[in-house]
Amino acid sequence: MSRRKVLVTGASRGIGRAIAHAFADHGDQVAVHFASSRPSAEETLRALPGAGHVLVDGDLGDPEAARAVVTAAVAGLGGIDVLVNNAAVAPGPENVHRIGEVSYADWQRIWRRMIDVDLLGAANVTFGVAGHLIERGAPGSIVNVGSRGAFRGEPDYPAYGAAKAALHAFGQSMALALAPHRIAVTSVAPGFVGTERQQPKLEGPEGAALAAQSPFGRVGTPEEVAAAVLYLSSPQAAWSSGAILDLNGASYLR
């Protein structure tokens, strides 16, 4: 089995860290991307099994930085076979923007930042990786990490829901555009996932209600998302190109 070269954006912690681990455990070589938290990214890198993994940094909200991330990953790994678009500005207390309860200035600022990173950042990295694969004449896989919120709505974070819905649509457009080049493109749509960032919520008054969203009575794990991404990136899953896989424990059905 050949060792693939994998770029995982937003891999310093949470779902991205679990995805990086899953590929490394599989024997693949990983570029761990981060935007701001170098110590967390270095912790991810140190824990990966195998050799040849690298760190790449850059704010994907900046188009030139997004291009540079791809260039650095190609140089560090010796190529890219798989791209996982995981980096995102996630919902949090600092970017709540429910309409009617936020200033116009904050509305503009939050919308721009989420669209720049969650959608355009992924699009720009995809452009670079797809161009690299096409130039090599090599098959490849791209997996986008979307969200359940793209389907059920995000009233407190409408920019996030809109960006993730657009990311799903972008992935389907790329599935059509890149299939002639033997590049498969899929997306996953996780529900609430129990990352370290979410632990205060899970351990607080909201915890029981969050677990009750699923008939399984719990939230998802980063490792469950990572397992799905690993499968969708495999050659055996190429016929899934264009698919959006729900990963929400039946908490939202469509």
C-alpha atoms as a PDB file:
ATOM      1  CA  MET A   1       0.000   0.000   0.000  1.00  0.00           C
ATOM      2  CA  SER A   2       1.492   3.340  -1.063  1.00  0.00           C
ATOM      3  CA  ARG A   3       1.939   6.079   1.488  1.00  0.00           C
ATOM      4  CA  ARG A   4      -0.267   9.037   0.600  1.00  0.00           C
ATOM      5  CA  LYS A   5       0.590  12.696   1.168  1.00  0.00           C
ATOM      6  CA  VAL A   6      -2.236  14.443   3.012  1.00  0.00           C
ATOM      7  CA  LEU A   7      -2.874  18.125   3.767  1.00  0.00           C
ATOM      8  CA  VAL A   8      -5.296  18.635   6.674  1.00  0.00           C
ATOM      9  CA  THR A   9      -6.251  22.256   7.247  1.00  0.00           C
ATOM     10  CA  GLY A  10      -7.105  23.387  10.752  1.00  0.00           C
ATOM     11  CA  ALA A  11      -5.352  20.372  12.257  1.00  0.00           C
ATOM     12  CA  SER A  12      -3.987  21.875  15.473  1.00  0.00           C
ATOM     13  CA  ARG A  13      -6.800  20.453  17.634  1.00  0.00           C
ATOM     14  CA  GLY A  14     -10.329  19.038  17.673  1.00  0.00           C
ATOM     15  CA  ILE A  15     -11.675  17.348  14.560  1.00  0.00           C
ATOM     16  CA  GLY A  16      -8.646  18.344  12.493  1.00  0.00           C
ATOM     17  CA  ARG A  17      -6.259  16.773  14.982  1.00  0.00           C
ATOM     18  CA  ALA A  18      -8.276  13.540  14.969  1.00  0.00           C
ATOM     19  CA  ILE A  19      -8.240  13.497  11.164  1.00  0.00           C
ATOM     20  CA  ALA A  20      -4.466  13.981  11.081  1.00  0.00           C
ATOM     21  CA  HIS A  21      -4.084  11.097  13.540  1.00  0.00           C
ATOM     22  CA  ALA A  22      -6.348   8.837  11.480  1.00  0.00           C
ATOM     23  CA  PHE A  23      -4.260   9.342   8.339  1.00  0.00           C
ATOM     24  CA  ALA A  24      -0.975   8.913  10.195  1.00  0.00           C
ATOM     25  CA  ASP A  25      -2.280   5.749  11.867  1.00  0.00           C
ATOM     26  CA  HIS A  26      -3.122   4.514   8.368  1.00  0.00           C
ATOM     27  CA  GLY A  27       0.519   4.988   7.372  1.00  0.00           C
ATOM     28  CA  ASP A  28       0.079   8.248   5.472  1.00  0.00           C
ATOM     29  CA  GLN A  29       2.269  11.340   5.648  1.00  0.00           C
ATOM     30  CA  VAL A  30       0.495  14.459   6.930  1.00  0.00           C
ATOM     31  CA  ALA A  31       0.917  18.217   6.618  1.00  0.00           C
ATOM     32  CA  VAL A  32      -0.611  19.682   9.795  1.00  0.00           C
ATOM     33  CA  HIS A  33      -1.936  23.146   8.975  1.00  0.00           C
ATOM     34  CA  PHE A  34      -2.625  25.802  11.582  1.00  0.00           C
ATOM     35  CA  ALA A  35      -3.469  29.490  11.501  1.00  0.00           C
ATOM     36  CA  SER A  36      -2.548  30.822  14.937  1.00  0.00           C
ATOM     37  CA  SER A  37      -1.937  28.158  17.591  1.00  0.00           C
ATOM     38  CA  ARG A  38       1.573  26.892  16.889  1.00  0.00           C
ATOM     39  CA  PRO A  39       1.933  25.138  20.293  1.00  0.00           C
ATOM     40  CA  SER A  40      -1.237  23.104  19.677  1.00  0.00           C
ATOM     41  CA  ALA A  41      -0.137  22.277  16.134  1.00  0.00           C
ATOM     42  CA  GLU A  42       3.287  21.185  17.375  1.00  0.00           C
ATOM     43  CA  GLU A  43       1.563  18.981  19.945  1.00  0.00           C
ATOM     44  CA  THR A  44      -0.461  17.371  17.152  1.00  0.00           C
ATOM     45  CA  LEU A  45       2.676  16.845  15.075  1.00  0.00           C
ATOM     46  CA  ARG A  46       4.639  15.262  17.935  1.00  0.00           C
ATOM     47  CA  ALA A  47       1.884  12.751  18.624  1.00  0.00           C
ATOM     48  CA  LEU A  48       1.555  11.501  15.038  1.00  0.00           C
ATOM     49  CA  PRO A  49       2.959   8.019  14.440  1.00  0.00           C
ATOM     50  CA  GLY A  50       5.392   7.556  11.600  1.00  0.00           C
ATOM     51  CA  ALA A  51       7.862   9.997  10.076  1.00  0.00           C
ATOM     52  CA  GLY A  52       7.908  12.758   7.501  1.00  0.00           C
ATOM     53  CA  HIS A  53       4.983  14.801   8.836  1.00  0.00           C
ATOM     54  CA  VAL A  54       5.293  18.591   8.571  1.00  0.00           C
ATOM     55  CA  LEU A  55       3.752  21.792   9.905  1.00  0.00           C
ATOM     56  CA  VAL A  56       2.392  24.473   7.581  1.00  0.00           C
ATOM     57  CA  ASP A  57       0.867  27.739   8.732  1.00  0.00           C
ATOM     58  CA  GLY A  58      -1.225  30.495   7.253  1.00  0.00           C
ATOM     59  CA  ASP A  59      -4.488  32.382   7.641  1.00  0.00           C
ATOM     60  CA  LEU A  60      -6.716  30.875   4.970  1.00  0.00           C
ATOM     61  CA  GLY A  61      -8.850  34.010   4.987  1.00  0.00           C
ATOM     62  CA  ASP A  62      -5.974  35.597   3.030  1.00  0.00           C
ATOM     63  CA  PRO A  63      -5.929  34.308  -0.576  1.00  0.00           C
ATOM     64  CA  GLU A  64      -2.152  34.617  -0.870  1.00  0.00           C
ATOM     65  CA  ALA A  65      -1.645  32.785   2.421  1.00  0.00           C
ATOM     66  CA  ALA A  66      -3.930  30.011   1.173  1.00  0.00           C
ATOM     67  CA  ARG A  67      -1.780  29.662  -1.944  1.00  0.00           C
ATOM     68  CA  ALA A  68       1.367  29.622   0.205  1.00  0.00           C
ATOM     69  CA  VAL A  69      -0.046  26.861   2.432  1.00  0.00           C
ATOM     70  CA  VAL A  70      -0.432  24.581  -0.590  1.00  0.00           C
ATOM     71  CA  THR A  71       3.049  25.437  -1.843  1.00  0.00           C
ATOM     72  CA  ALA A  72       4.567  24.707   1.571  1.00  0.00           C
ATOM     73  CA  ALA A  73       2.687  21.421   1.940  1.00  0.00           C
ATOM     74  CA  VAL A  74       3.769  20.255  -1.531  1.00  0.00           C
ATOM     75  CA  ALA A  75       7.379  21.129  -0.724  1.00  0.00           C
ATOM     76  CA  GLY A  76       7.311  19.592   2.747  1.00  0.00           C
ATOM     77  CA  LEU A  77       5.605  16.354   1.779  1.00  0.00           C
ATOM     78  CA  GLY A  78       6.919  16.012  -1.742  1.00  0.00           C
ATOM     79  CA  GLY A  79       3.408  16.312  -3.158  1.00  0.00           C
ATOM     80  CA  ILE A  80      -0.242  16.132  -2.095  1.00  0.00           C
ATOM     81  CA  ASP A  81      -2.621  13.256  -2.826  1.00  0.00           C
ATOM     82  CA  VAL A  82      -5.417  14.099  -0.384  1.00  0.00           C
ATOM     83  CA  LEU A  83      -6.803  17.412   0.831  1.00  0.00           C
ATOM     84  CA  VAL A  84      -9.084  17.721   3.852  1.00  0.00           C
ATOM     85  CA  ASN A  85     -10.697  21.158   4.072  1.00  0.00           C
ATOM     86  CA  ASN A  86     -11.363  21.296   7.797  1.00  0.00           C
ATOM     87  CA  ALA A  87     -10.210  24.792   8.820  1.00  0.00           C
ATOM     88  CA  ALA A  88     -13.035  27.090   9.852  1.00  0.00           C
ATOM     89  CA  VAL A  89     -14.004  29.971  12.065  1.00  0.00           C
ATOM     90  CA  ALA A  90     -16.242  27.990  14.406  1.00  0.00           C
ATOM     91  CA  PRO A  91     -19.289  29.354  16.249  1.00  0.00           C
ATOM     92  CA  GLY A  92     -18.533  30.658  19.708  1.00  0.00           C
ATOM     93  CA  PRO A  93     -19.532  33.323  22.229  1.00  0.00           C
ATOM     94  CA  GLU A  94     -17.266  35.835  20.494  1.00  0.00           C
ATOM     95  CA  ASN A  95     -19.084  35.653  17.148  1.00  0.00           C
ATOM     96  CA  VAL A  96     -22.780  35.232  17.947  1.00  0.00           C
ATOM     97  CA  HIS A  97     -24.670  37.361  15.401  1.00  0.00           C
ATOM     98  CA  ARG A  98     -28.399  36.687  15.745  1.00  0.00           C
ATOM     99  CA  ILE A  99     -30.184  39.240  13.598  1.00  0.00           C
ATOM    100  CA  GLY A 100     -31.887  41.929  15.662  1.00  0.00           C
ATOM    101  CA  GLU A 101     -29.410  41.429  18.496  1.00  0.00           C
ATOM    102  CA  VAL A 102     -26.130  42.479  16.887  1.00  0.00           C
ATOM    103  CA  SER A 103     -24.815  45.769  15.534  1.00  0.00           C
ATOM    104  CA  TYR A 104     -24.506  46.260  11.793  1.00  0.00           C
ATOM    105  CA  ALA A 105     -20.733  46.662  12.149  1.00  0.00           C
ATOM    106  CA  ASP A 106     -20.392  43.329  13.973  1.00  0.00           C
ATOM    107  CA  TRP A 107     -22.779  41.681  11.489  1.00  0.00           C
ATOM    108  CA  GLN A 108     -20.505  42.766   8.633  1.00  0.00           C
ATOM    109  CA  ARG A 109     -17.302  41.779  10.406  1.00  0.00           C
ATOM    110  CA  ILE A 110     -18.456  38.290  11.396  1.00  0.00           C
ATOM    111  CA  TRP A 111     -20.020  37.502   8.036  1.00  0.00           C
ATOM    112  CA  ARG A 112     -16.872  38.539   6.178  1.00  0.00           C
ATOM    113  CA  ARG A 113     -14.547  36.560   8.426  1.00  0.00           C
ATOM    114  CA  MET A 114     -16.599  33.337   8.300  1.00  0.00           C
ATOM    115  CA  ILE A 115     -17.092  33.486   4.540  1.00  0.00           C
ATOM    116  CA  ASP A 116     -13.425  34.336   3.949  1.00  0.00           C
ATOM    117  CA  VAL A 117     -12.147  31.352   5.951  1.00  0.00           C
ATOM    118  CA  ASP A 118     -14.902  28.728   5.933  1.00  0.00           C
ATOM    119  CA  LEU A 119     -15.787  29.036   2.248  1.00  0.00           C
ATOM    120  CA  LEU A 120     -13.253  31.039   0.262  1.00  0.00           C
ATOM    121  CA  GLY A 121     -10.291  29.621   2.162  1.00  0.00           C
ATOM    122  CA  ALA A 122     -11.399  26.099   1.301  1.00  0.00           C
ATOM    123  CA  ALA A 123     -12.046  27.112  -2.305  1.00  0.00           C
ATOM    124  CA  ASN A 124      -8.589  28.653  -2.673  1.00  0.00           C
ATOM    125  CA  VAL A 125      -6.772  25.695  -1.130  1.00  0.00           C
ATOM    126  CA  THR A 126      -8.803  23.387  -3.370  1.00  0.00           C
ATOM    127  CA  PHE A 127      -7.756  25.422  -6.405  1.00  0.00           C
ATOM    128  CA  GLY A 128      -4.102  24.958  -5.499  1.00  0.00           C
ATOM    129  CA  VAL A 129      -4.284  21.252  -4.685  1.00  0.00           C
ATOM    130  CA  ALA A 130      -6.418  20.429  -7.727  1.00  0.00           C
ATOM    131  CA  GLY A 131      -3.971  22.281  -9.961  1.00  0.00           C
ATOM    132  CA  HIS A 132      -1.095  20.332  -8.430  1.00  0.00           C
ATOM    133  CA  LEU A 133      -2.849  16.991  -9.021  1.00  0.00           C
ATOM    134  CA  ILE A 134      -3.840  17.893 -12.576  1.00  0.00           C
ATOM    135  CA  GLU A 135      -0.278  18.978 -13.383  1.00  0.00           C
ATOM    136  CA  ARG A 136       1.015  15.650 -12.053  1.00  0.00           C
ATOM    137  CA  GLY A 137      -1.672  13.690 -13.887  1.00  0.00           C
ATOM    138  CA  ALA A 138      -2.357  11.947 -10.585  1.00  0.00           C
ATOM    139  CA  PRO A 139      -5.629  10.810  -9.009  1.00  0.00           C
ATOM    140  CA  GLY A 140      -6.594  12.303  -5.675  1.00  0.00           C
ATOM    141  CA  SER A 141      -9.273  12.981  -3.093  1.00  0.00           C
ATOM    142  CA  ILE A 142     -10.689  16.109  -1.528  1.00  0.00           C
ATOM    143  CA  VAL A 143     -12.953  15.926   1.531  1.00  0.00           C
ATOM    144  CA  ASN A 144     -14.720  19.012   2.878  1.00  0.00           C
ATOM    145  CA  VAL A 145     -15.789  19.203   6.511  1.00  0.00           C
ATOM    146  CA  GLY A 146     -19.188  20.878   6.418  1.00  0.00           C
ATOM    147  CA  SER A 147     -21.899  20.937   9.051  1.00  0.00           C
ATOM    148  CA  ARG A 148     -25.375  19.808  10.031  1.00  0.00           C
ATOM    149  CA  GLY A 149     -26.054  23.526  10.418  1.00  0.00           C
ATOM    150  CA  ALA A 150     -26.059  23.883   6.641  1.00  0.00           C
ATOM    151  CA  PHE A 151     -29.370  21.974   6.602  1.00  0.00           C
ATOM    152  CA  ARG A 152     -31.143  22.749   9.867  1.00  0.00           C
ATOM    153  CA  GLY A 153     -30.139  26.426  10.059  1.00  0.00           C
ATOM    154  CA  GLU A 154     -28.020  28.392  12.524  1.00  0.00           C
ATOM    155  CA  PRO A 155     -30.076  31.314  13.898  1.00  0.00           C
ATOM    156  CA  ASP A 156     -27.285  32.468  16.227  1.00  0.00           C
ATOM    157  CA  TYR A 157     -24.596  31.960  13.561  1.00  0.00           C
ATOM    158  CA  PRO A 158     -26.224  32.463  10.146  1.00  0.00           C
ATOM    159  CA  ALA A 159     -22.910  33.205   8.432  1.00  0.00           C
ATOM    160  CA  TYR A 160     -21.576  29.837   9.599  1.00  0.00           C
ATOM    161  CA  GLY A 161     -24.644  27.968   8.338  1.00  0.00           C
ATOM    162  CA  ALA A 162     -24.497  29.799   5.010  1.00  0.00           C
ATOM    163  CA  ALA A 163     -20.752  29.207   4.590  1.00  0.00           C
ATOM    164  CA  LYS A 164     -21.112  25.484   5.275  1.00  0.00           C
ATOM    165  CA  ALA A 165     -24.093  25.152   2.915  1.00  0.00           C
ATOM    166  CA  ALA A 166     -22.035  26.870   0.240  1.00  0.00           C
ATOM    167  CA  LEU A 167     -19.088  24.577   1.015  1.00  0.00           C
ATOM    168  CA  HIS A 168     -21.307  21.548   0.396  1.00  0.00           C
ATOM    169  CA  ALA A 169     -22.466  23.044  -2.919  1.00  0.00           C
ATOM    170  CA  PHE A 170     -18.899  23.918  -3.853  1.00  0.00           C
ATOM    171  CA  GLY A 171     -17.862  20.321  -3.203  1.00  0.00           C
ATOM    172  CA  GLN A 172     -20.539  19.032  -5.545  1.00  0.00           C
ATOM    173  CA  SER A 173     -19.462  21.471  -8.262  1.00  0.00           C
ATOM    174  CA  MET A 174     -15.872  20.306  -7.840  1.00  0.00           C
ATOM    175  CA  ALA A 175     -16.968  16.670  -7.976  1.00  0.00           C
ATOM    176  CA  LEU A 176     -18.291  17.336 -11.467  1.00  0.00           C
ATOM    177  CA  ALA A 177     -15.346  19.472 -12.557  1.00  0.00           C
ATOM    178  CA  LEU A 178     -12.594  17.193 -11.251  1.00  0.00           C
ATOM    179  CA  ALA A 179     -13.941  13.710 -12.036  1.00  0.00           C
ATOM    180  CA  PRO A 180     -12.356  13.771 -15.534  1.00  0.00           C
ATOM    181  CA  HIS A 181      -9.018  14.213 -13.739  1.00  0.00           C
ATOM    182  CA  ARG A 182      -9.714  11.218 -11.438  1.00  0.00           C
ATOM    183  CA  ILE A 183     -10.119  13.472  -8.399  1.00  0.00           C
ATOM    184  CA  ALA A 184     -13.010  12.548  -6.109  1.00  0.00           C
ATOM    185  CA  VAL A 185     -14.653  15.252  -3.979  1.00  0.00           C
ATOM    186  CA  THR A 186     -16.955  14.557  -1.036  1.00  0.00           C
ATOM    187  CA  SER A 187     -18.182  16.307   2.103  1.00  0.00           C
ATOM    188  CA  VAL A 188     -19.124  15.322   5.635  1.00  0.00           C
ATOM    189  CA  ALA A 189     -21.743  17.175   7.675  1.00  0.00           C
ATOM    190  CA  PRO A 190     -21.125  16.586  11.390  1.00  0.00           C
ATOM    191  CA  GLY A 191     -23.591  17.463  14.090  1.00  0.00           C
ATOM    192  CA  PHE A 192     -22.414  18.499  17.551  1.00  0.00           C
ATOM    193  CA  VAL A 193     -18.996  16.968  18.217  1.00  0.00           C
ATOM    194  CA  GLY A 194     -17.409  16.684  21.652  1.00  0.00           C
ATOM    195  CA  THR A 195     -14.072  18.370  20.992  1.00  0.00           C
ATOM    196  CA  GLU A 196     -11.980  19.869  23.763  1.00  0.00           C
ATOM    197  CA  ARG A 197     -13.338  23.298  22.809  1.00  0.00           C
ATOM    198  CA  GLN A 198     -16.882  22.061  23.474  1.00  0.00           C
ATOM    199  CA  GLN A 199     -16.191  20.382  26.819  1.00  0.00           C
ATOM    200  CA  PRO A 200     -17.331  23.375  28.913  1.00  0.00           C
ATOM    201  CA  LYS A 201     -20.732  23.208  27.179  1.00  0.00           C
ATOM    202  CA  LEU A 202     -20.994  19.466  27.637  1.00  0.00           C
ATOM    203  CA  GLU A 203     -20.091  19.695  31.304  1.00  0.00           C
ATOM    204  CA  GLY A 204     -22.388  22.668  31.928  1.00  0.00           C
ATOM    205  CA  PRO A 205     -26.154  23.185  32.038  1.00  0.00           C
ATOM    206  CA  GLU A 206     -26.449  22.662  28.251  1.00  0.00           C
ATOM    207  CA  GLY A 207     -24.794  19.238  28.309  1.00  0.00           C
ATOM    208  CA  ALA A 208     -27.875  17.073  28.794  1.00  0.00           C
ATOM    209  CA  ALA A 209     -29.835  18.889  26.091  1.00  0.00           C
ATOM    210  CA  LEU A 210     -26.966  18.583  23.633  1.00  0.00           C
ATOM    211  CA  ALA A 211     -26.713  14.837  24.229  1.00  0.00           C
ATOM    212  CA  ALA A 212     -30.493  14.512  23.904  1.00  0.00           C
ATOM    213  CA  GLN A 213     -30.409  15.910  20.358  1.00  0.00           C
ATOM    214  CA  SER A 214     -29.481  12.398  19.227  1.00  0.00           C
ATOM    215  CA  PRO A 215     -31.572   9.302  19.983  1.00  0.00           C
ATOM    216  CA  PHE A 216     -28.264   7.679  20.935  1.00  0.00           C
ATOM    217  CA  GLY A 217     -28.210  10.034  23.908  1.00  0.00           C
ATOM    218  CA  ARG A 218     -24.729  11.396  23.261  1.00  0.00           C
ATOM    219  CA  VAL A 219     -22.779  13.713  21.004  1.00  0.00           C
ATOM    220  CA  GLY A 220     -20.357  12.684  18.297  1.00  0.00           C
ATOM    221  CA  THR A 221     -16.623  12.239  18.705  1.00  0.00           C
ATOM    222  CA  PRO A 222     -13.785  13.688  16.611  1.00  0.00           C
ATOM    223  CA  GLU A 223     -12.632  10.127  15.928  1.00  0.00           C
ATOM    224  CA  GLU A 224     -15.985   9.255  14.324  1.00  0.00           C
ATOM    225  CA  VAL A 225     -15.667  12.176  11.942  1.00  0.00           C
ATOM    226  CA  ALA A 226     -12.053  11.235  11.218  1.00  0.00           C
ATOM    227  CA  ALA A 227     -13.009   7.640  10.384  1.00  0.00           C
ATOM    228  CA  ALA A 228     -15.555   8.849   7.844  1.00  0.00           C
ATOM    229  CA  VAL A 229     -13.066  11.249   6.273  1.00  0.00           C
ATOM    230  CA  LEU A 230     -10.453   8.505   6.031  1.00  0.00           C
ATOM    231  CA  TYR A 231     -12.915   6.248   4.210  1.00  0.00           C
ATOM    232  CA  LEU A 232     -14.150   8.947   1.833  1.00  0.00           C
ATOM    233  CA  SER A 233     -10.578   9.794   0.883  1.00  0.00           C
ATOM    234  CA  SER A 234      -9.799   6.199  -0.055  1.00  0.00           C
ATOM    235  CA  PRO A 235      -9.693   4.936  -3.656  1.00  0.00           C
ATOM    236  CA  GLN A 236     -12.483   2.505  -2.717  1.00  0.00           C
ATOM    237  CA  ALA A 237     -14.791   5.479  -2.056  1.00  0.00           C
ATOM    238  CA  ALA A 238     -14.196   7.259  -5.361  1.00  0.00           C
ATOM    239  CA  TRP A 239     -17.709   6.342  -6.544  1.00  0.00           C
ATOM    240  CA  SER A 240     -19.048   8.422  -3.619  1.00  0.00           C
ATOM    241  CA  SER A 241     -17.776  11.588  -5.293  1.00  0.00           C
ATOM    242  CA  GLY A 242     -20.350  14.361  -4.940  1.00  0.00           C
ATOM    243  CA  ALA A 243     -21.859  12.870  -1.779  1.00  0.00           C
ATOM    244  CA  ILE A 244     -22.507  14.714   1.483  1.00  0.00           C
ATOM    245  CA  LEU A 245     -22.385  12.302   4.409  1.00  0.00           C
ATOM    246  CA  ASP A 246     -24.438  13.190   7.490  1.00  0.00           C
ATOM    247  CA  LEU A 247     -22.605  12.452  10.748  1.00  0.00           C
ATOM    248  CA  ASN A 248     -25.081  13.552  13.375  1.00  0.00           C
ATOM    249  CA  GLY A 249     -26.345  10.445  15.153  1.00  0.00           C
ATOM    250  CA  ALA A 250     -29.841  10.852  13.634  1.00  0.00           C
ATOM    251  CA  SER A 251     -30.175  14.203  15.420  1.00  0.00           C
ATOM    252  CA  TYR A 252     -31.277  15.803  12.128  1.00  0.00           C
ATOM    253  CA  LEU A 253     -32.726  13.865   9.216  1.00  0.00           C
ATOM    254  CA  ARG A 254     -33.251  15.197   5.710  1.00  0.00           C
END
